[in-house]
């Protein structure tokens, strides 16, 4: 069984995200946030500085 933690997110930000995701195929904002973490976490964990900076949005 997977255990979960709660991460506080400002309600206005969560609401904006939920509205943007309507009709997108994601069941919830939480599902989308988990997708983003899984997508970008390997880059953030990388020892490659350029890859990390791109993941953090400092490079394109």
N, C-alpha and C. Protein backbone atom coordinates (compact mmCIF):
# COMPACT_ATOMS: atom_id res chain seq x y z
N UNK A 1 0.84 -1.18 0.00
CA UNK A 1 0.00 0.00 0.00
C UNK A 1 0.89 1.25 0.00
N UNK A 2 0.54 2.20 -0.84
CA UNK A 2 1.29 3.44 -0.95
C UNK A 2 0.80 4.42 0.11
N UNK A 3 1.73 5.03 0.81
CA UNK A 3 1.36 6.06 1.78
C UNK A 3 1.48 7.42 1.10
N UNK A 4 0.67 8.35 1.55
CA UNK A 4 0.66 9.69 0.97
C UNK A 4 0.96 10.72 2.03
N UNK A 5 1.42 11.89 1.59
CA UNK A 5 1.61 13.05 2.46
C UNK A 5 0.78 14.19 1.88
N UNK A 6 0.49 15.16 2.69
CA UNK A 6 -0.23 16.35 2.23
C UNK A 6 0.77 17.47 2.00
N UNK A 7 0.62 18.13 0.88
CA UNK A 7 1.45 19.28 0.55
C UNK A 7 0.52 20.48 0.43
N UNK A 8 0.70 21.48 1.28
CA UNK A 8 -0.20 22.64 1.19
C UNK A 8 0.07 23.46 -0.06
N UNK A 9 -1.00 23.78 -0.74
CA UNK A 9 -0.96 24.62 -1.94
C UNK A 9 -2.02 25.70 -1.75
N UNK A 10 -1.69 26.94 -2.03
CA UNK A 10 -2.70 28.00 -1.88
C UNK A 10 -3.96 27.66 -2.67
N UNK A 11 -5.12 27.83 -2.04
CA UNK A 11 -6.40 27.50 -2.69
C UNK A 11 -6.59 28.19 -4.03
N UNK A 12 -6.26 29.48 -4.14
CA UNK A 12 -6.45 30.13 -5.45
C UNK A 12 -5.62 29.46 -6.56
N UNK A 13 -4.40 29.08 -6.24
CA UNK A 13 -3.55 28.42 -7.22
C UNK A 13 -4.10 27.05 -7.59
N UNK A 14 -4.53 26.29 -6.60
CA UNK A 14 -5.13 24.97 -6.85
C UNK A 14 -6.40 25.12 -7.69
N UNK A 15 -7.21 26.12 -7.39
CA UNK A 15 -8.43 26.35 -8.16
C UNK A 15 -8.14 26.70 -9.62
N UNK A 16 -7.14 27.54 -9.85
CA UNK A 16 -6.75 27.89 -11.22
C UNK A 16 -6.33 26.65 -11.98
N UNK A 17 -5.51 25.82 -11.33
CA UNK A 17 -5.04 24.59 -11.97
C UNK A 17 -6.21 23.66 -12.28
N UNK A 18 -7.10 23.48 -11.32
CA UNK A 18 -8.25 22.61 -11.52
C UNK A 18 -9.10 23.07 -12.70
N UNK A 19 -9.31 24.38 -12.81
CA UNK A 19 -10.10 24.92 -13.94
C UNK A 19 -9.39 24.67 -15.27
N UNK A 20 -8.07 24.85 -15.30
CA UNK A 20 -7.30 24.65 -16.54
C UNK A 20 -7.32 23.20 -16.99
N UNK A 21 -7.44 22.29 -16.04
CA UNK A 21 -7.38 20.87 -16.36
C UNK A 21 -8.73 20.28 -16.76
N UNK A 22 -9.81 21.05 -16.65
CA UNK A 22 -11.13 20.55 -17.04
C UNK A 22 -11.10 20.13 -18.50
N UNK A 23 -11.53 18.90 -18.75
CA UNK A 23 -11.56 18.38 -20.11
C UNK A 23 -10.22 17.93 -20.64
N UNK A 24 -9.19 17.93 -19.79
CA UNK A 24 -7.84 17.58 -20.24
C UNK A 24 -7.56 16.08 -20.18
N UNK A 25 -8.41 15.35 -19.48
CA UNK A 25 -8.16 13.91 -19.31
C UNK A 25 -7.60 13.57 -17.94
N UNK A 26 -7.09 14.58 -17.23
CA UNK A 26 -6.63 14.33 -15.86
C UNK A 26 -7.85 14.33 -14.96
N UNK A 27 -7.87 13.40 -14.01
CA UNK A 27 -9.02 13.28 -13.12
C UNK A 27 -9.03 14.37 -12.04
N UNK A 28 -7.87 14.92 -11.73
CA UNK A 28 -7.80 15.93 -10.69
C UNK A 28 -6.51 16.72 -10.81
N UNK A 29 -6.47 17.84 -10.10
CA UNK A 29 -5.24 18.64 -10.06
C UNK A 29 -4.13 17.83 -9.39
N UNK A 30 -4.49 17.05 -8.39
CA UNK A 30 -3.50 16.21 -7.70
C UNK A 30 -2.85 15.23 -8.67
N UNK A 31 -3.65 14.60 -9.52
CA UNK A 31 -3.10 13.66 -10.50
C UNK A 31 -2.10 14.36 -11.42
N UNK A 32 -2.42 15.58 -11.84
CA UNK A 32 -1.53 16.33 -12.72
C UNK A 32 -0.24 16.73 -12.00
N UNK A 33 -0.35 17.14 -10.76
CA UNK A 33 0.83 17.51 -9.97
C UNK A 33 1.76 16.31 -9.81
N UNK A 34 1.19 15.13 -9.55
CA UNK A 34 1.99 13.91 -9.45
C UNK A 34 2.69 13.62 -10.77
N UNK A 35 1.98 13.81 -11.88
CA UNK A 35 2.57 13.63 -13.21
C UNK A 35 3.78 14.55 -13.39
N UNK A 36 3.63 15.82 -13.01
CA UNK A 36 4.72 16.78 -13.17
C UNK A 36 5.93 16.40 -12.32
N UNK A 37 5.69 15.98 -11.10
CA UNK A 37 6.80 15.59 -10.23
C UNK A 37 7.53 14.40 -10.82
N UNK A 38 6.79 13.40 -11.27
CA UNK A 38 7.43 12.22 -11.87
C UNK A 38 8.20 12.58 -13.13
N UNK A 39 7.70 13.54 -13.89
CA UNK A 39 8.35 13.94 -15.13
C UNK A 39 9.66 14.69 -14.87
N UNK A 40 9.66 15.62 -13.92
CA UNK A 40 10.81 16.50 -13.73
C UNK A 40 11.76 16.09 -12.61
N UNK A 41 11.35 15.22 -11.73
CA UNK A 41 12.21 14.83 -10.62
C UNK A 41 13.52 14.19 -11.08
N UNK A 42 13.52 13.31 -12.09
CA UNK A 42 14.81 12.75 -12.53
C UNK A 42 15.80 13.84 -12.99
N UNK A 43 15.30 14.88 -13.63
CA UNK A 43 16.19 15.97 -14.04
C UNK A 43 16.73 16.72 -12.83
N UNK A 44 15.90 16.92 -11.84
CA UNK A 44 16.34 17.61 -10.62
C UNK A 44 17.33 16.77 -9.83
N UNK A 45 17.20 15.46 -9.90
CA UNK A 45 18.10 14.55 -9.19
C UNK A 45 19.42 14.35 -9.92
N UNK A 46 19.46 14.74 -11.17
CA UNK A 46 20.64 14.53 -12.00
C UNK A 46 21.86 15.27 -11.48
N UNK A 47 23.03 14.69 -11.73
CA UNK A 47 24.28 15.36 -11.41
C UNK A 47 24.72 16.29 -12.53
N UNK A 48 24.04 16.25 -13.66
CA UNK A 48 24.34 17.10 -14.81
C UNK A 48 23.78 18.50 -14.53
N UNK A 49 24.66 19.46 -14.31
CA UNK A 49 24.26 20.82 -13.92
C UNK A 49 23.34 21.45 -14.96
N UNK A 50 23.67 21.31 -16.24
CA UNK A 50 22.85 21.92 -17.29
C UNK A 50 21.44 21.33 -17.27
N UNK A 51 21.33 20.03 -17.09
CA UNK A 51 20.03 19.36 -17.05
C UNK A 51 19.22 19.86 -15.85
N UNK A 52 19.88 20.04 -14.71
CA UNK A 52 19.20 20.53 -13.52
C UNK A 52 18.71 21.96 -13.71
N UNK A 53 19.55 22.81 -14.31
CA UNK A 53 19.16 24.20 -14.54
C UNK A 53 17.96 24.29 -15.49
N UNK A 54 17.94 23.44 -16.51
CA UNK A 54 16.79 23.40 -17.43
C UNK A 54 15.53 22.98 -16.68
N UNK A 55 15.64 21.97 -15.83
CA UNK A 55 14.49 21.49 -15.07
C UNK A 55 13.96 22.56 -14.13
N UNK A 56 14.83 23.39 -13.63
CA UNK A 56 14.43 24.47 -12.73
C UNK A 56 13.94 25.71 -13.47
N UNK A 57 14.05 25.70 -14.80
CA UNK A 57 13.55 26.82 -15.60
C UNK A 57 14.55 27.92 -15.84
N UNK A 58 15.81 27.70 -15.50
CA UNK A 58 16.82 28.74 -15.69
C UNK A 58 17.41 28.74 -17.10
N UNK A 59 17.22 27.66 -17.83
CA UNK A 59 17.72 27.56 -19.21
C UNK A 59 16.62 26.97 -20.06
N UNK A 60 16.68 27.25 -21.36
CA UNK A 60 15.69 26.66 -22.26
C UNK A 60 16.32 25.71 -23.22
